[in-house]
Every structure is written in C-alpha cells, then in structure tokens.
PDB file of N, CA and C in Angstrom:
ATOM      1  N   UNK A   1       0.818  -1.201   0.000  1.00  0.00           N
ATOM      2  CA  UNK A   1       0.000   0.000   0.000  1.00  0.00           C
ATOM      3  C   UNK A   1       0.853   1.253   0.000  1.00  0.00           C
ATOM      4  N   UNK A   2       2.056   1.137   0.366  1.00  0.00           N
ATOM      5  CA  UNK A   2       3.032   2.226   0.338  1.00  0.00           C
ATOM      6  C   UNK A   2       2.599   3.458   1.131  1.00  0.00           C
ATOM      7  N   UNK A   3       1.818   3.278   2.143  1.00  0.00           N
ATOM      8  CA  UNK A   3       1.495   4.375   3.046  1.00  0.00           C
ATOM      9  C   UNK A   3       0.567   5.437   2.498  1.00  0.00           C
ATOM     10  N   UNK A   4      -0.184   5.150   1.471  1.00  0.00           N
ATOM     11  CA  UNK A   4      -1.082   6.172   0.927  1.00  0.00           C
ATOM     12  C   UNK A   4      -2.540   5.844   1.251  1.00  0.00           C
ATOM     13  N   UNK A   5      -2.766   5.304   2.413  1.00  0.00           N
ATOM     14  CA  UNK A   5      -4.136   4.999   2.820  1.00  0.00           C
ATOM     15  C   UNK A   5      -4.916   6.283   3.119  1.00  0.00           C
ATOM     16  N   UNK A   6      -4.209   7.356   3.428  1.00  0.00           N
ATOM     17  CA  UNK A   6      -4.900   8.613   3.708  1.00  0.00           C
ATOM     18  C   UNK A   6      -5.648   9.133   2.484  1.00  0.00           C
ATOM     19  N   UNK A   7      -5.176   8.813   1.295  1.00  0.00           N
ATOM     20  CA  UNK A   7      -5.882   9.243   0.077  1.00  0.00           C
ATOM     21  C   UNK A   7      -7.217   8.523  -0.034  1.00  0.00           C
ATOM     22  N   UNK A   8      -7.213   7.231   0.250  1.00  0.00           N
ATOM     23  CA  UNK A   8      -8.459   6.467   0.220  1.00  0.00           C
ATOM     24  C   UNK A   8      -9.443   6.919   1.280  1.00  0.00           C
ATOM     25  N   UNK A   9      -8.943   7.210   2.470  1.00  0.00           N
ATOM     26  CA  UNK A   9      -9.820   7.700   3.529  1.00  0.00           C
ATOM     27  C   UNK A   9     -10.376   9.080   3.201  1.00  0.00           C
ATOM     28  N   UNK A  10      -9.560   9.927   2.587  1.00  0.00           N
ATOM     29  CA  UNK A  10     -10.046  11.247   2.180  1.00  0.00           C
ATOM     30  C   UNK A  10     -11.110  11.121   1.096  1.00  0.00           C
ATOM     31  N   UNK A  11     -10.915  10.188   0.165  1.00  0.00           N
ATOM     32  CA  UNK A  11     -11.909   9.978  -0.889  1.00  0.00           C
ATOM     33  C   UNK A  11     -13.209   9.440  -0.315  1.00  0.00           C
ATOM     34  N   UNK A  12     -13.097   8.542   0.662  1.00  0.00           N
ATOM     35  CA  UNK A  12     -14.300   8.003   1.306  1.00  0.00           C
ATOM     36  C   UNK A  12     -15.054   9.099   2.053  1.00  0.00           C
ATOM     37  N   UNK A  13     -14.327   9.902   2.804  1.00  0.00           N
ATOM     38  CA  UNK A  13     -14.964  11.006   3.522  1.00  0.00           C
ATOM     39  C   UNK A  13     -15.579  12.027   2.586  1.00  0.00           C
ATOM     40  N   UNK A  14     -14.911  12.289   1.488  1.00  0.00           N
ATOM     41  CA  UNK A  14     -15.432  13.228   0.509  1.00  0.00           C
ATOM     42  C   UNK A  14     -16.708  12.701  -0.140  1.00  0.00           C
ATOM     43  N   UNK A  15     -16.726  11.412  -0.456  1.00  0.00           N
ATOM     44  CA  UNK A  15     -17.918  10.826  -1.060  1.00  0.00           C
ATOM     45  C   UNK A  15     -19.101  10.882  -0.101  1.00  0.00           C
ATOM     46  N   UNK A  16     -18.851  10.608   1.155  1.00  0.00           N
ATOM     47  CA  UNK A  16     -19.929  10.702   2.155  1.00  0.00           C
ATOM     48  C   UNK A  16     -20.405  12.144   2.279  1.00  0.00           C
ATOM     49  N   UNK A  17     -19.466  13.089   2.277  1.00  0.00           N
ATOM     50  CA  UNK A  17     -19.827  14.502   2.392  1.00  0.00           C
ATOM     51  C   UNK A  17     -20.649  14.992   1.214  1.00  0.00           C
ATOM     52  N   UNK A  18     -20.264  14.602   0.013  1.00  0.00           N
ATOM     53  CA  UNK A  18     -21.014  15.013  -1.179  1.00  0.00           C
ATOM     54  C   UNK A  18     -22.405  14.381  -1.166  1.00  0.00           C
ATOM     55  N   UNK A  19     -22.500  13.149  -0.713  1.00  0.00           N
ATOM     56  CA  UNK A  19     -23.809  12.506  -0.604  1.00  0.00           C
ATOM     57  C   UNK A  19     -24.710  13.216   0.380  1.00  0.00           C
ATOM     58  N   UNK A  20     -24.152  13.624   1.504  1.00  0.00           N
ATOM     59  CA  UNK A  20     -24.952  14.360   2.488  1.00  0.00           C
ATOM     60  C   UNK A  20     -25.370  15.724   1.961  1.00  0.00           C
ATOM     61  N   UNK A  21     -24.485  16.390   1.247  1.00  0.00           N
ATOM     62  CA  UNK A  21     -24.827  17.688   0.661  1.00  0.00           C
ATOM     63  C   UNK A  21     -25.979  17.533  -0.327  1.00  0.00           C
ATOM     64  N   UNK A  22     -25.905  16.506  -1.177  1.00  0.00           N
ATOM     65  CA  UNK A  22     -26.974  16.277  -2.147  1.00  0.00           C
ATOM     66  C   UNK A  22     -28.300  15.938  -1.496  1.00  0.00           C
ATOM     67  N   UNK A  23     -28.253  15.110  -0.456  1.00  0.00           N
ATOM     68  CA  UNK A  23     -29.487  14.729   0.242  1.00  0.00           C
ATOM     69  C   UNK A  23     -30.127  15.925   0.928  1.00  0.00           C
ATOM     70  N   UNK A  24     -29.314  16.723   1.591  1.00  0.00           N
ATOM     71  CA  UNK A  24     -29.859  17.891   2.290  1.00  0.00           C
ATOM     72  C   UNK A  24     -30.321  18.974   1.311  1.00  0.00           C
ATOM     73  N   UNK A  25     -29.647  19.088   0.164  1.00  0.00           N
ATOM     74  CA  UNK A  25     -30.090  20.059  -0.839  1.00  0.00           C
ATOM     75  C   UNK A  25     -31.440  19.646  -1.419  1.00  0.00           C
ATOM     76  N   UNK A  26     -31.609  18.348  -1.654  1.00  0.00           N
ATOM     77  CA  UNK A  26     -32.900  17.878  -2.155  1.00  0.00           C
ATOM     78  C   UNK A  26     -33.998  18.086  -1.110  1.00  0.00           C
ATOM     79  N   UNK A  27     -33.663  17.843   0.142  1.00  0.00           N
ATOM     80  CA  UNK A  27     -34.638  18.055   1.214  1.00  0.00           C
ATOM     81  C   UNK A  27     -35.009  19.534   1.344  1.00  0.00           C
ATOM     82  N   UNK A  28     -34.003  20.404   1.256  1.00  0.00           N
ATOM     83  CA  UNK A  28     -34.264  21.837   1.368  1.00  0.00           C
ATOM     84  C   UNK A  28     -35.084  22.343   0.190  1.00  0.00           C
ATOM     85  N   UNK A  29     -34.830  21.822  -1.004  1.00  0.00           N
ATOM     86  CA  UNK A  29     -35.607  22.224  -2.173  1.00  0.00           C
ATOM     87  C   UNK A  29     -37.039  21.751  -2.051  1.00  0.00           C
ATOM     88  N   UNK A  30     -37.226  20.585  -1.483  1.00  0.00           N
ATOM     89  CA  UNK A  30     -38.585  20.088  -1.263  1.00  0.00           C
ATOM     90  C   UNK A  30     -39.357  20.926  -0.266  1.00  0.00           C
ATOM     91  N   UNK A  31     -38.659  21.448   0.724  1.00  0.00           N
ATOM     92  CA  UNK A  31     -39.321  22.279   1.735  1.00  0.00           C
ATOM     93  C   UNK A  31     -39.612  23.689   1.232  1.00  0.00           C
ATOM     94  N   UNK A  32     -38.708  24.213   0.391  1.00  0.00           N
ATOM     95  CA  UNK A  32     -38.856  25.584  -0.086  1.00  0.00           C
ATOM     96  C   UNK A  32     -38.455  25.651  -1.562  1.00  0.00           C
ATOM     97  N   UNK A  33     -39.381  25.314  -2.469  1.00  0.00           N
ATOM     98  CA  UNK A  33     -39.034  25.299  -3.893  1.00  0.00           C
ATOM     99  C   UNK A  33     -38.650  26.668  -4.454  1.00  0.00           C
ATOM    100  N   UNK A  34     -39.084  27.722  -3.819  1.00  0.00           N
ATOM    101  CA  UNK A  34     -38.769  29.067  -4.308  1.00  0.00           C
ATOM    102  C   UNK A  34     -37.306  29.429  -4.164  1.00  0.00           C
ATOM    103  N   UNK A  35     -36.615  28.765  -3.263  1.00  0.00           N
ATOM    104  CA  UNK A  35     -35.205  29.073  -3.029  1.00  0.00           C
ATOM    105  C   UNK A  35     -34.282  28.068  -3.701  1.00  0.00           C
ATOM    106  N   UNK A  36     -34.772  27.394  -4.723  1.00  0.00           N
ATOM    107  CA  UNK A  36     -33.977  26.317  -5.336  1.00  0.00           C
ATOM    108  C   UNK A  36     -32.689  26.825  -5.970  1.00  0.00           C
ATOM    109  N   UNK A  37     -32.682  28.027  -6.508  1.00  0.00           N
ATOM    110  CA  UNK A  37     -31.471  28.570  -7.124  1.00  0.00           C
ATOM    111  C   UNK A  37     -30.367  28.793  -6.111  1.00  0.00           C
ATOM    112  N   UNK A  38     -30.717  29.394  -4.984  1.00  0.00           N
ATOM    113  CA  UNK A  38     -29.730  29.640  -3.936  1.00  0.00           C
ATOM    114  C   UNK A  38     -29.260  28.332  -3.309  1.00  0.00           C
ATOM    115  N   UNK A  39     -30.170  27.387  -3.153  1.00  0.00           N
ATOM    116  CA  UNK A  39     -29.808  26.089  -2.582  1.00  0.00           C
ATOM    117  C   UNK A  39     -28.854  25.355  -3.513  1.00  0.00           C
ATOM    118  N   UNK A  40     -29.135  25.381  -4.805  1.00  0.00           N
ATOM    119  CA  UNK A  40     -28.272  24.714  -5.771  1.00  0.00           C
ATOM    120  C   UNK A  40     -26.873  25.322  -5.784  1.00  0.00           C
ATOM    121  N   UNK A  41     -26.806  26.649  -5.734  1.00  0.00           N
ATOM    122  CA  UNK A  41     -25.515  27.324  -5.719  1.00  0.00           C
ATOM    123  C   UNK A  41     -24.704  26.933  -4.492  1.00  0.00           C
ATOM    124  N   UNK A  42     -25.330  26.952  -3.329  1.00  0.00           N
ATOM    125  CA  UNK A  42     -24.632  26.581  -2.103  1.00  0.00           C
ATOM    126  C   UNK A  42     -24.218  25.112  -2.123  1.00  0.00           C
ATOM    127  N   UNK A  43     -25.075  24.246  -2.652  1.00  0.00           N
ATOM    128  CA  UNK A  43     -24.752  22.815  -2.707  1.00  0.00           C
ATOM    129  C   UNK A  43     -23.562  22.554  -3.619  1.00  0.00           C
ATOM    130  N   UNK A  44     -23.488  23.243  -4.740  1.00  0.00           N
ATOM    131  CA  UNK A  44     -22.354  23.060  -5.657  1.00  0.00           C
ATOM    132  C   UNK A  44     -21.060  23.541  -5.018  1.00  0.00           C
ATOM    133  N   UNK A  45     -21.112  24.657  -4.324  1.00  0.00           N
ATOM    134  CA  UNK A  45     -19.914  25.179  -3.668  1.00  0.00           C
ATOM    135  C   UNK A  45     -19.441  24.227  -2.574  1.00  0.00           C
ATOM    136  N   UNK A  46     -20.368  23.744  -1.748  1.00  0.00           N
ATOM    137  CA  UNK A  46     -19.984  22.844  -0.660  1.00  0.00           C
ATOM    138  C   UNK A  46     -19.488  21.507  -1.184  1.00  0.00           C
ATOM    139  N   UNK A  47     -20.061  21.009  -2.265  1.00  0.00           N
ATOM    140  CA  UNK A  47     -19.587  19.753  -2.849  1.00  0.00           C
ATOM    141  C   UNK A  47     -18.178  19.929  -3.420  1.00  0.00           C
ATOM    142  N   UNK A  48     -17.915  21.067  -4.031  1.00  0.00           N
ATOM    143  CA  UNK A  48     -16.574  21.320  -4.561  1.00  0.00           C
ATOM    144  C   UNK A  48     -15.548  21.431  -3.444  1.00  0.00           C
ATOM    145  N   UNK A  49     -15.925  22.036  -2.334  1.00  0.00           N
ATOM    146  CA  UNK A  49     -15.004  22.116  -1.203  1.00  0.00           C
ATOM    147  C   UNK A  49     -14.728  20.741  -0.619  1.00  0.00           C
ATOM    148  N   UNK A  50     -15.743  19.879  -0.571  1.00  0.00           N
ATOM    149  CA  UNK A  50     -15.546  18.522  -0.068  1.00  0.00           C
ATOM    150  C   UNK A  50     -14.636  17.729  -1.002  1.00  0.00           C
ATOM    151  N   UNK A  51     -14.774  17.923  -2.297  1.00  0.00           N
ATOM    152  CA  UNK A  51     -13.913  17.226  -3.254  1.00  0.00           C
ATOM    153  C   UNK A  51     -12.483  17.755  -3.204  1.00  0.00           C
ATOM    154  N   UNK A  52     -12.314  18.991  -2.811  1.00  0.00           N
ATOM    155  CA  UNK A  52     -10.975  19.564  -2.715  1.00  0.00           C
ATOM    156  C   UNK A  52     -10.102  18.860  -1.697  1.00  0.00           C
ATOM    157  N   UNK A  53     -10.708  18.260  -0.695  1.00  0.00           N
ATOM    158  CA  UNK A  53      -9.951  17.525   0.317  1.00  0.00           C
ATOM    159  C   UNK A  53      -9.187  16.375  -0.320  1.00  0.00           C
ATOM    160  N   UNK A  54      -9.780  15.716  -1.300  1.00  0.00           N
ATOM    161  CA  UNK A  54      -9.109  14.601  -1.972  1.00  0.00           C
ATOM    162  C   UNK A  54      -7.878  15.102  -2.721  1.00  0.00           C
ATOM    163  N   UNK A  55      -8.008  16.214  -3.402  1.00  0.00           N
ATOM    164  CA  UNK A  55      -6.869  16.748  -4.146  1.00  0.00           C
ATOM    165  C   UNK A  55      -5.742  17.183  -3.216  1.00  0.00           C
ATOM    166  N   UNK A  56      -6.095  17.737  -2.080  1.00  0.00           N
ATOM    167  CA  UNK A  56      -5.079  18.107  -1.099  1.00  0.00           C
ATOM    168  C   UNK A  56      -4.368  16.866  -0.581  1.00  0.00           C
ATOM    169  N   UNK A  57      -5.108  15.800  -0.297  1.00  0.00           N
ATOM    170  CA  UNK A  57      -4.470  14.582   0.207  1.00  0.00           C
ATOM    171  C   UNK A  57      -3.602  13.918  -0.862  1.00  0.00           C
ATOM    172  N   UNK A  58      -4.024  13.990  -2.124  1.00  0.00           N
ATOM    173  CA  UNK A  58      -3.183  13.457  -3.204  1.00  0.00           C
ATOM    174  C   UNK A  58      -1.885  14.261  -3.304  1.00  0.00           C
ATOM    175  N   UNK A  59      -1.999  15.565  -3.219  1.00  0.00           N
ATOM    176  CA  UNK A  59      -0.812  16.424  -3.287  1.00  0.00           C
ATOM    177  C   UNK A  59       0.132  16.129  -2.129  1.00  0.00           C
ATOM    178  N   UNK A  60      -0.419  16.002  -0.925  1.00  0.00           N
ATOM    179  CA  UNK A  60       0.428  15.741   0.240  1.00  0.00           C
ATOM    180  C   UNK A  60       1.020  14.328   0.170  1.00  0.00           C
ATOM    181  N   UNK A  61       0.285  13.386  -0.410  1.00  0.00           N
ATOM    182  CA  UNK A  61       0.797  12.019  -0.536  1.00  0.00           C
ATOM    183  C   UNK A  61       1.933  11.925  -1.523  1.00  0.00           C
ATOM    184  N   UNK A  62       1.863  12.684  -2.599  1.00  0.00           N
ATOM    185  CA  UNK A  62       2.898  12.645  -3.626  1.00  0.00           C
ATOM    186  C   UNK A  62       4.156  13.413  -3.196  1.00  0.00           C
ATOM    187  N   UNK A  63       3.976  14.460  -2.392  1.00  0.00           N
ATOM    188  CA  UNK A  63       5.141  15.249  -1.996  1.00  0.00           C
ATOM    189  C   UNK A  63       5.973  14.535  -0.934  1.00  0.00           C
ATOM    190  N   UNK A  64       5.358  13.603  -0.205  1.00  0.00           N
ATOM    191  CA  UNK A  64       6.083  12.896   0.837  1.00  0.00           C
ATOM    192  C   UNK A  64       6.902  11.731   0.312  1.00  0.00           C
ATOM    193  N   UNK A  65       6.760  11.363  -0.963  1.00  0.00           N
ATOM    194  CA  UNK A  65       7.468  10.196  -1.503  1.00  0.00           C
ATOM    195  C   UNK A  65       8.837  10.538  -2.014  1.00  0.00           C
TER     196      UNK A  65
END
C-alpha cells in the first residue's frame, strides 16, 4: 500500500460529504421550492469544497514520496 491509505480515507470522507450535501439540498428544495437557485448554488460550492480535500491529500501524498 506504500502508506497512501490517507488518500483512500479522504476519498471516502469526501464521497460521504457530497452525498450528504446532495441529500440535504434535495430536502431543502422540497421544503422551499422558491429558493432552489440559492440552494443549488450553495450545494455546488460545498460539494466542490468537499472534493478539494481529496486533491489536497493526493498532493500531500505525492510530496512525501
């Protein structure tokens, strides 16, 4: 495994985070359809931030080798 298990754990955490963001965005849109544009914008931003964790862990994993 060469010590890069942190990349897999970061990807797992990111996938769970993006799933939660999507579920809560769908729930919020169902509760308030008029705010769907703002909800979608916030959900996309938060999902991108969650995915950024994987890229940071890949960068840190490659620099340590």
